[in-house]
Amino acid sequence: MDSEAKTIDSKAESVEAKPIETSSTVNLTFLMISGERKTLEFQNTETIQQVKKTIFDAWPENFGTKPTKFLQLRIVFSGKFLSDSSTLKSI
């Protein structure tokens, strides 16, 4: 019985833990108050401020009137306004 236990233990010692690989990109779908949607791809290291700038630069005509500055945009996720300095990875 001891030899079985040693064999099991030695097998367990040879198992290496590997980190789980995660994607470095994130697809975000934006839903406007009008009901229109737009999906854009971002790096998970981008800040909310960078995301706002990208949305502003790619503003679709069907989203209605474009704000005068990208900083006027507010992004809500799970009922919370996201801080401009937060990264996508942190939320």
PDB file of N, CA and C in Angstrom:
ATOM      1  N   MET A   1       0.811  -1.183   0.000  1.00  0.00           N
ATOM      2  CA  MET A   1       0.000   0.000   0.000  1.00  0.00           C
ATOM      3  C   MET A   1       0.859   1.254   0.000  1.00  0.00           C
ATOM      4  N   ASP A   2       1.997   1.194   0.727  1.00  0.00           N
ATOM      5  CA  ASP A   2       2.898   2.336   0.763  1.00  0.00           C
ATOM      6  C   ASP A   2       3.482   2.606  -0.621  1.00  0.00           C
ATOM      7  N   SER A   3       3.792   1.561  -1.362  1.00  0.00           N
ATOM      8  CA  SER A   3       4.370   1.754  -2.688  1.00  0.00           C
ATOM      9  C   SER A   3       3.365   2.428  -3.623  1.00  0.00           C
ATOM     10  N   GLU A   4       2.062   2.102  -3.465  1.00  0.00           N
ATOM     11  CA  GLU A   4       1.037   2.760  -4.266  1.00  0.00           C
ATOM     12  C   GLU A   4       0.966   4.241  -3.928  1.00  0.00           C
ATOM     13  N   ALA A   5       1.020   4.556  -2.664  1.00  0.00           N
ATOM     14  CA  ALA A   5       0.955   5.946  -2.235  1.00  0.00           C
ATOM     15  C   ALA A   5       2.146   6.722  -2.763  1.00  0.00           C
ATOM     16  N   LYS A   6       3.332   6.123  -2.741  1.00  0.00           N
ATOM     17  CA  LYS A   6       4.520   6.796  -3.246  1.00  0.00           C
ATOM     18  C   LYS A   6       4.409   7.028  -4.749  1.00  0.00           C
ATOM     19  N   THR A   7       3.866   6.068  -5.466  1.00  0.00           N
ATOM     20  CA  THR A   7       3.693   6.217  -6.904  1.00  0.00           C
ATOM     21  C   THR A   7       2.728   7.356  -7.205  1.00  0.00           C
ATOM     22  N   ILE A   8       1.641   7.406  -6.500  1.00  0.00           N
ATOM     23  CA  ILE A   8       0.667   8.481  -6.701  1.00  0.00           C
ATOM     24  C   ILE A   8       1.304   9.824  -6.382  1.00  0.00           C
ATOM     25  N   ASP A   9       2.051   9.897  -5.262  1.00  0.00           N
ATOM     26  CA  ASP A   9       2.706  11.142  -4.880  1.00  0.00           C
ATOM     27  C   ASP A   9       3.718  11.584  -5.932  1.00  0.00           C
ATOM     28  N   SER A  10       4.486  10.653  -6.451  1.00  0.00           N
ATOM     29  CA  SER A  10       5.500  11.032  -7.430  1.00  0.00           C
ATOM     30  C   SER A  10       4.846  11.526  -8.726  1.00  0.00           C
ATOM     31  N   LYS A  11       3.705  10.965  -9.077  1.00  0.00           N
ATOM     32  CA  LYS A  11       2.986  11.445 -10.251  1.00  0.00           C
ATOM     33  C   LYS A  11       2.470  12.851 -10.017  1.00  0.00           C
ATOM     34  N   ALA A  12       1.964  13.113  -8.821  1.00  0.00           N
ATOM     35  CA  ALA A  12       1.440  14.431  -8.506  1.00  0.00           C
ATOM     36  C   ALA A  12       2.544  15.474  -8.543  1.00  0.00           C
ATOM     37  N   GLU A  13       3.745  15.099  -8.119  1.00  0.00           N
ATOM     38  CA  GLU A  13       4.855  16.050  -8.118  1.00  0.00           C
ATOM     39  C   GLU A  13       5.282  16.423  -9.529  1.00  0.00           C
ATOM     40  N   SER A  14       5.055  15.573 -10.498  1.00  0.00           N
ATOM     41  CA  SER A  14       5.491  15.856 -11.858  1.00  0.00           C
ATOM     42  C   SER A  14       4.505  16.725 -12.638  1.00  0.00           C
ATOM     43  N   VAL A  15       3.348  16.965 -12.068  1.00  0.00           N
ATOM     44  CA  VAL A  15       2.351  17.803 -12.741  1.00  0.00           C
ATOM     45  C   VAL A  15       2.720  19.263 -12.536  1.00  0.00           C
ATOM     46  N   GLU A  16       2.801  20.005 -13.637  1.00  0.00           N
ATOM     47  CA  GLU A  16       3.134  21.420 -13.554  1.00  0.00           C
ATOM     48  C   GLU A  16       1.898  22.257 -13.798  1.00  0.00           C
ATOM     49  N   ALA A  17       1.772  23.292 -13.006  1.00  0.00           N
ATOM     50  CA  ALA A  17       0.661  24.225 -13.201  1.00  0.00           C
ATOM     51  C   ALA A  17       1.026  25.184 -14.324  1.00  0.00           C
ATOM     52  N   LYS A  18       0.106  25.393 -15.234  1.00  0.00           N
ATOM     53  CA  LYS A  18       0.321  26.324 -16.329  1.00  0.00           C
ATOM     54  C   LYS A  18      -0.688  27.455 -16.203  1.00  0.00           C
ATOM     55  N   PRO A  19      -0.254  28.690 -16.429  1.00  0.00           N
ATOM     56  CA  PRO A  19      -1.209  29.800 -16.342  1.00  0.00           C
ATOM     57  C   PRO A  19      -2.251  29.693 -17.444  1.00  0.00           C
ATOM     58  N   ILE A  20      -3.436  30.127 -17.145  1.00  0.00           N
ATOM     59  CA  ILE A  20      -4.510  30.132 -18.132  1.00  0.00           C
ATOM     60  C   ILE A  20      -4.273  31.310 -19.062  1.00  0.00           C
ATOM     61  N   GLU A  21      -4.219  31.025 -20.344  1.00  0.00           N
ATOM     62  CA  GLU A  21      -4.018  32.093 -21.310  1.00  0.00           C
ATOM     63  C   GLU A  21      -5.338  32.784 -21.570  1.00  0.00           C
ATOM     64  N   THR A  22      -5.304  34.098 -21.532  1.00  0.00           N
ATOM     65  CA  THR A  22      -6.506  34.874 -21.816  1.00  0.00           C
ATOM     66  C   THR A  22      -6.254  35.719 -23.052  1.00  0.00           C
ATOM     67  N   SER A  23      -7.310  36.065 -23.712  1.00  0.00           N
ATOM     68  CA  SER A  23      -7.203  36.863 -24.914  1.00  0.00           C
ATOM     69  C   SER A  23      -6.821  38.293 -24.550  1.00  0.00           C
ATOM     70  N   SER A  24      -6.020  38.905 -25.391  1.00  0.00           N
ATOM     71  CA  SER A  24      -5.629  40.280 -25.136  1.00  0.00           C
ATOM     72  C   SER A  24      -6.585  41.265 -25.805  1.00  0.00           C
ATOM     73  N   THR A  25      -7.570  40.737 -26.536  1.00  0.00           N
ATOM     74  CA  THR A  25      -8.552  41.616 -27.168  1.00  0.00           C
ATOM     75  C   THR A  25      -9.939  41.382 -26.582  1.00  0.00           C
ATOM     76  N   VAL A  26     -10.732  42.436 -26.656  1.00  0.00           N
ATOM     77  CA  VAL A  26     -12.088  42.395 -26.116  1.00  0.00           C
ATOM     78  C   VAL A  26     -13.025  42.977 -27.167  1.00  0.00           C
ATOM     79  N   ASN A  27     -14.109  42.277 -27.465  1.00  0.00           N
ATOM     80  CA  ASN A  27     -15.142  42.821 -28.341  1.00  0.00           C
ATOM     81  C   ASN A  27     -16.217  43.448 -27.469  1.00  0.00           C
ATOM     82  N   LEU A  28     -16.468  44.736 -27.682  1.00  0.00           N
ATOM     83  CA  LEU A  28     -17.487  45.437 -26.912  1.00  0.00           C
ATOM     84  C   LEU A  28     -18.621  45.847 -27.836  1.00  0.00           C
ATOM     85  N   THR A  29     -19.838  45.599 -27.408  1.00  0.00           N
ATOM     86  CA  THR A  29     -21.010  46.044 -28.142  1.00  0.00           C
ATOM     87  C   THR A  29     -21.621  47.205 -27.386  1.00  0.00           C
ATOM     88  N   PHE A  30     -21.757  48.314 -28.076  1.00  0.00           N
ATOM     89  CA  PHE A  30     -22.316  49.518 -27.475  1.00  0.00           C
ATOM     90  C   PHE A  30     -23.768  49.646 -27.877  1.00  0.00           C
ATOM     91  N   LEU A  31     -24.601  49.903 -26.906  1.00  0.00           N
ATOM     92  CA  LEU A  31     -26.032  50.069 -27.109  1.00  0.00           C
ATOM     93  C   LEU A  31     -26.379  51.510 -26.802  1.00  0.00           C
ATOM     94  N   MET A  32     -26.865  52.198 -27.799  1.00  0.00           N
ATOM     95  CA  MET A  32     -27.248  53.597 -27.616  1.00  0.00           C
ATOM     96  C   MET A  32     -28.668  53.670 -27.060  1.00  0.00           C
ATOM     97  N   ILE A  33     -29.009  54.805 -26.523  1.00  0.00           N
ATOM     98  CA  ILE A  33     -30.364  55.014 -26.002  1.00  0.00           C
ATOM     99  C   ILE A  33     -31.399  54.772 -27.094  1.00  0.00           C
ATOM    100  N   SER A  34     -31.049  55.071 -28.347  1.00  0.00           N
ATOM    101  CA  SER A  34     -31.957  54.879 -29.479  1.00  0.00           C
ATOM    102  C   SER A  34     -32.204  53.409 -29.797  1.00  0.00           C
ATOM    103  N   GLY A  35     -31.380  52.500 -29.226  1.00  0.00           N
ATOM    104  CA  GLY A  35     -31.511  51.078 -29.512  1.00  0.00           C
ATOM    105  C   GLY A  35     -30.511  50.581 -30.545  1.00  0.00           C
ATOM    106  N   GLU A  36     -29.779  51.490 -31.176  1.00  0.00           N
ATOM    107  CA  GLU A  36     -28.762  51.108 -32.161  1.00  0.00           C
ATOM    108  C   GLU A  36     -27.568  50.486 -31.459  1.00  0.00           C
ATOM    109  N   ARG A  37     -26.912  49.559 -32.153  1.00  0.00           N
ATOM    110  CA  ARG A  37     -25.758  48.853 -31.590  1.00  0.00           C
ATOM    111  C   ARG A  37     -24.553  48.966 -32.517  1.00  0.00           C
ATOM    112  N   LYS A  38     -23.377  48.918 -31.907  1.00  0.00           N
ATOM    113  CA  LYS A  38     -22.122  48.922 -32.660  1.00  0.00           C
ATOM    114  C   LYS A  38     -21.117  48.105 -31.870  1.00  0.00           C
ATOM    115  N   THR A  39     -20.441  47.154 -32.532  1.00  0.00           N
ATOM    116  CA  THR A  39     -19.420  46.320 -31.889  1.00  0.00           C
ATOM    117  C   THR A  39     -18.046  46.742 -32.394  1.00  0.00           C
ATOM    118  N   LEU A  40     -17.137  46.964 -31.449  1.00  0.00           N
ATOM    119  CA  LEU A  40     -15.766  47.337 -31.771  1.00  0.00           C
ATOM    120  C   LEU A  40     -14.809  46.443 -30.984  1.00  0.00           C
ATOM    121  N   GLU A  41     -13.603  46.266 -31.500  1.00  0.00           N
ATOM    122  CA  GLU A  41     -12.600  45.439 -30.831  1.00  0.00           C
ATOM    123  C   GLU A  41     -11.532  46.329 -30.200  1.00  0.00           C
ATOM    124  N   PHE A  42     -11.142  45.990 -28.974  1.00  0.00           N
ATOM    125  CA  PHE A  42     -10.158  46.754 -28.223  1.00  0.00           C
ATOM    126  C   PHE A  42      -9.142  45.817 -27.590  1.00  0.00           C
ATOM    127  N   GLN A  43      -7.981  46.361 -27.238  1.00  0.00           N
ATOM    128  CA  GLN A  43      -7.006  45.635 -26.433  1.00  0.00           C
ATOM    129  C   GLN A  43      -7.453  45.730 -24.981  1.00  0.00           C
ATOM    130  N   ASN A  44      -7.262  44.669 -24.208  1.00  0.00           N
ATOM    131  CA  ASN A  44      -7.726  44.698 -22.821  1.00  0.00           C
ATOM    132  C   ASN A  44      -6.923  45.658 -21.945  1.00  0.00           C
ATOM    133  N   THR A  45      -5.830  46.193 -22.467  1.00  0.00           N
ATOM    134  CA  THR A  45      -5.020  47.160 -21.722  1.00  0.00           C
ATOM    135  C   THR A  45      -5.452  48.603 -21.976  1.00  0.00           C
ATOM    136  N   GLU A  46      -6.395  48.803 -22.884  1.00  0.00           N
ATOM    137  CA  GLU A  46      -6.854  50.162 -23.191  1.00  0.00           C
ATOM    138  C   GLU A  46      -7.687  50.717 -22.049  1.00  0.00           C
ATOM    139  N   THR A  47      -7.589  52.029 -21.875  1.00  0.00           N
ATOM    140  CA  THR A  47      -8.379  52.694 -20.843  1.00  0.00           C
ATOM    141  C   THR A  47      -9.752  53.060 -21.397  1.00  0.00           C
ATOM    142  N   ILE A  48     -10.656  53.367 -20.492  1.00  0.00           N
ATOM    143  CA  ILE A  48     -12.002  53.791 -20.898  1.00  0.00           C
ATOM    144  C   ILE A  48     -11.911  55.073 -21.719  1.00  0.00           C
ATOM    145  N   GLN A  49     -10.991  55.950 -21.377  1.00  0.00           N
ATOM    146  CA  GLN A  49     -10.809  57.176 -22.151  1.00  0.00           C
ATOM    147  C   GLN A  49     -10.410  56.854 -23.592  1.00  0.00           C
ATOM    148  N   GLN A  50      -9.529  55.875 -23.794  1.00  0.00           N
ATOM    149  CA  GLN A  50      -9.145  55.461 -25.144  1.00  0.00           C
ATOM    150  C   GLN A  50     -10.325  54.841 -25.881  1.00  0.00           C
ATOM    151  N   VAL A  51     -11.150  54.091 -25.162  1.00  0.00           N
ATOM    152  CA  VAL A  51     -12.345  53.494 -25.757  1.00  0.00           C
ATOM    153  C   VAL A  51     -13.293  54.596 -26.221  1.00  0.00           C
ATOM    154  N   LYS A  52     -13.498  55.609 -25.386  1.00  0.00           N
ATOM    155  CA  LYS A  52     -14.367  56.733 -25.754  1.00  0.00           C
ATOM    156  C   LYS A  52     -13.860  57.420 -27.017  1.00  0.00           C
ATOM    157  N   LYS A  53     -12.559  57.606 -27.115  1.00  0.00           N
ATOM    158  CA  LYS A  53     -11.968  58.248 -28.292  1.00  0.00           C
ATOM    159  C   LYS A  53     -12.217  57.412 -29.542  1.00  0.00           C
ATOM    160  N   THR A  54     -12.064  56.107 -29.434  1.00  0.00           N
ATOM    161  CA  THR A  54     -12.300  55.215 -30.572  1.00  0.00           C
ATOM    162  C   THR A  54     -13.765  55.264 -31.006  1.00  0.00           C
ATOM    163  N   ILE A  55     -14.675  55.229 -30.037  1.00  0.00           N
ATOM    164  CA  ILE A  55     -16.110  55.310 -30.356  1.00  0.00           C
ATOM    165  C   ILE A  55     -16.399  56.630 -31.060  1.00  0.00           C
ATOM    166  N   PHE A  56     -15.875  57.717 -30.513  1.00  0.00           N
ATOM    167  CA  PHE A  56     -16.084  59.043 -31.077  1.00  0.00           C
ATOM    168  C   PHE A  56     -15.585  59.106 -32.520  1.00  0.00           C
ATOM    169  N   ASP A  57     -14.382  58.569 -32.768  1.00  0.00           N
ATOM    170  CA  ASP A  57     -13.791  58.594 -34.107  1.00  0.00           C
ATOM    171  C   ASP A  57     -14.551  57.718 -35.100  1.00  0.00           C
ATOM    172  N   ALA A  58     -15.198  56.657 -34.616  1.00  0.00           N
ATOM    173  CA  ALA A  58     -15.931  55.730 -35.492  1.00  0.00           C
ATOM    174  C   ALA A  58     -17.449  55.924 -35.358  1.00  0.00           C
ATOM    175  N   TRP A  59     -17.891  57.098 -34.957  1.00  0.00           N
ATOM    176  CA  TRP A  59     -19.305  57.370 -34.677  1.00  0.00           C
ATOM    177  C   TRP A  59     -20.172  57.064 -35.896  1.00  0.00           C
ATOM    178  N   PRO A  60     -21.060  56.074 -35.811  1.00  0.00           N
ATOM    179  CA  PRO A  60     -21.941  55.744 -36.943  1.00  0.00           C
ATOM    180  C   PRO A  60     -23.044  56.795 -37.109  1.00  0.00           C
ATOM    181  N   GLU A  61     -23.451  57.014 -38.328  1.00  0.00           N
ATOM    182  CA  GLU A  61     -24.514  57.984 -38.603  1.00  0.00           C
ATOM    183  C   GLU A  61     -25.816  57.616 -37.891  1.00  0.00           C
ATOM    184  N   ASN A  62     -26.101  56.322 -37.775  1.00  0.00           N
ATOM    185  CA  ASN A  62     -27.366  55.896 -37.171  1.00  0.00           C
ATOM    186  C   ASN A  62     -27.390  56.069 -35.651  1.00  0.00           C
ATOM    187  N   PHE A  63     -26.271  56.520 -35.045  1.00  0.00           N
ATOM    188  CA  PHE A  63     -26.239  56.789 -33.605  1.00  0.00           C
ATOM    189  C   PHE A  63     -26.819  58.159 -33.285  1.00  0.00           C
ATOM    190  N   GLY A  64     -27.127  58.943 -34.300  1.00  0.00           N
ATOM    191  CA  GLY A  64     -27.694  60.273 -34.055  1.00  0.00           C
ATOM    192  C   GLY A  64     -26.600  61.320 -33.949  1.00  0.00           C
ATOM    193  N   THR A  65     -26.931  62.401 -33.268  1.00  0.00           N
ATOM    194  CA  THR A  65     -26.021  63.534 -33.160  1.00  0.00           C
ATOM    195  C   THR A  65     -24.739  63.147 -32.422  1.00  0.00           C
ATOM    196  N   LYS A  66     -23.628  63.451 -33.059  1.00  0.00           N
ATOM    197  CA  LYS A  66     -22.317  63.154 -32.471  1.00  0.00           C
ATOM    198  C   LYS A  66     -21.978  64.236 -31.441  1.00  0.00           C
ATOM    199  N   PRO A  67     -21.512  63.827 -30.265  1.00  0.00           N
ATOM    200  CA  PRO A  67     -21.097  64.824 -29.270  1.00  0.00           C
ATOM    201  C   PRO A  67     -19.963  65.689 -29.831  1.00  0.00           C
ATOM    202  N   THR A  68     -19.768  66.864 -29.261  1.00  0.00           N
ATOM    203  CA  THR A  68     -18.707  67.745 -29.752  1.00  0.00           C
ATOM    204  C   THR A  68     -17.328  67.285 -29.284  1.00  0.00           C
ATOM    205  N   LYS A  69     -17.257  66.596 -28.142  1.00  0.00           N
ATOM    206  CA  LYS A  69     -15.989  66.088 -27.612  1.00  0.00           C
ATOM    207  C   LYS A  69     -16.172  64.654 -27.133  1.00  0.00           C
ATOM    208  N   PHE A  70     -15.143  63.830 -27.309  1.00  0.00           N
ATOM    209  CA  PHE A  70     -15.264  62.432 -26.885  1.00  0.00           C
ATOM    210  C   PHE A  70     -15.390  62.301 -25.371  1.00  0.00           C
ATOM    211  N   LEU A  71     -14.879  63.275 -24.624  1.00  0.00           N
ATOM    212  CA  LEU A  71     -14.966  63.212 -23.161  1.00  0.00           C
ATOM    213  C   LEU A  71     -16.397  63.404 -22.648  1.00  0.00           C
ATOM    214  N   GLN A  72     -17.310  63.816 -23.530  1.00  0.00           N
ATOM    215  CA  GLN A  72     -18.720  63.943 -23.146  1.00  0.00           C
ATOM    216  C   GLN A  72     -19.417  62.589 -23.071  1.00  0.00           C
ATOM    217  N   LEU A  73     -18.805  61.572 -23.666  1.00  0.00           N
ATOM    218  CA  LEU A  73     -19.396  60.240 -23.654  1.00  0.00           C
ATOM    219  C   LEU A  73     -19.315  59.637 -22.258  1.00  0.00           C
ATOM    220  N   ARG A  74     -20.322  58.876 -21.882  1.00  0.00           N
ATOM    221  CA  ARG A  74     -20.339  58.145 -20.621  1.00  0.00           C
ATOM    222  C   ARG A  74     -20.587  56.680 -20.951  1.00  0.00           C
ATOM    223  N   ILE A  75     -19.778  55.823 -20.368  1.00  0.00           N
ATOM    224  CA  ILE A  75     -19.930  54.387 -20.605  1.00  0.00           C
ATOM    225  C   ILE A  75     -20.411  53.741 -19.317  1.00  0.00           C
ATOM    226  N   VAL A  76     -21.514  53.012 -19.435  1.00  0.00           N
ATOM    227  CA  VAL A  76     -22.110  52.325 -18.287  1.00  0.00           C
ATOM    228  C   VAL A  76     -21.937  50.832 -18.485  1.00  0.00           C
ATOM    229  N   PHE A  77     -21.465  50.146 -17.442  1.00  0.00           N
ATOM    230  CA  PHE A  77     -21.299  48.694 -17.472  1.00  0.00           C
ATOM    231  C   PHE A  77     -21.836  48.146 -16.164  1.00  0.00           C
ATOM    232  N   SER A  78     -22.764  47.230 -16.249  1.00  0.00           N
ATOM    233  CA  SER A  78     -23.391  46.626 -15.067  1.00  0.00           C
ATOM    234  C   SER A  78     -23.945  47.683 -14.119  1.00  0.00           C
ATOM    235  N   GLY A  79     -24.537  48.714 -14.704  1.00  0.00           N
ATOM    236  CA  GLY A  79     -25.190  49.747 -13.900  1.00  0.00           C
ATOM    237  C   GLY A  79     -24.255  50.774 -13.292  1.00  0.00           C
ATOM    238  N   LYS A  80     -22.964  50.751 -13.663  1.00  0.00           N
ATOM    239  CA  LYS A  80     -22.001  51.699 -13.100  1.00  0.00           C
ATOM    240  C   LYS A  80     -21.328  52.484 -14.219  1.00  0.00           C
ATOM    241  N   PHE A  81     -21.128  53.774 -13.978  1.00  0.00           N
ATOM    242  CA  PHE A  81     -20.343  54.587 -14.908  1.00  0.00           C
ATOM    243  C   PHE A  81     -18.875  54.212 -14.747  1.00  0.00           C
ATOM    244  N   LEU A  82     -18.194  53.971 -15.859  1.00  0.00           N
ATOM    245  CA  LEU A  82     -16.795  53.571 -15.815  1.00  0.00           C
ATOM    246  C   LEU A  82     -15.892  54.789 -15.783  1.00  0.00           C
ATOM    247  N   SER A  83     -14.866  54.723 -14.974  1.00  0.00           N
ATOM    248  CA  SER A  83     -13.878  55.790 -14.829  1.00  0.00           C
ATOM    249  C   SER A  83     -12.962  55.814 -16.048  1.00  0.00           C
ATOM    250  N   ASP A  84     -12.626  57.014 -16.508  1.00  0.00           N
ATOM    251  CA  ASP A  84     -11.763  57.155 -17.692  1.00  0.00           C
ATOM    252  C   ASP A  84     -10.410  56.475 -17.522  1.00  0.00           C
ATOM    253  N   SER A  85      -9.902  56.380 -16.304  1.00  0.00           N
ATOM    254  CA  SER A  85      -8.577  55.806 -16.084  1.00  0.00           C
ATOM    255  C   SER A  85      -8.584  54.282 -15.946  1.00  0.00           C
ATOM    256  N   SER A  86      -9.765  53.673 -15.838  1.00  0.00           N
ATOM    257  CA  SER A  86      -9.855  52.208 -15.723  1.00  0.00           C
ATOM    258  C   SER A  86      -9.486  51.547 -17.044  1.00  0.00           C
ATOM    259  N   THR A  87      -8.855  50.373 -16.951  1.00  0.00           N
ATOM    260  CA  THR A  87      -8.584  49.597 -18.157  1.00  0.00           C
ATOM    261  C   THR A  87      -9.703  48.561 -18.337  1.00  0.00           C
ATOM    262  N   LEU A  88      -9.829  48.073 -19.550  1.00  0.00           N
ATOM    263  CA  LEU A  88     -10.839  47.045 -19.808  1.00  0.00           C
ATOM    264  C   LEU A  88     -10.538  45.783 -19.010  1.00  0.00           C
ATOM    265  N   LYS A  89      -9.271  45.493 -18.836  1.00  0.00           N
ATOM    266  CA  LYS A  89      -8.879  44.303 -18.091  1.00  0.00           C
ATOM    267  C   LYS A  89      -9.317  44.387 -16.628  1.00  0.00           C
ATOM    268  N   SER A  90      -9.387  45.598 -16.091  1.00  0.00           N
ATOM    269  CA  SER A  90      -9.701  45.776 -14.668  1.00  0.00           C
ATOM    270  C   SER A  90     -11.195  45.716 -14.340  1.00  0.00           C
ATOM    271  N   ILE A  91     -12.033  45.738 -15.370  1.00  0.00           N
ATOM    272  CA  ILE A  91     -13.481  45.720 -15.084  1.00  0.00           C
ATOM    273  C   ILE A  91     -14.086  44.357 -15.216  1.00  0.00           C
TER     274      ILE A  91
END
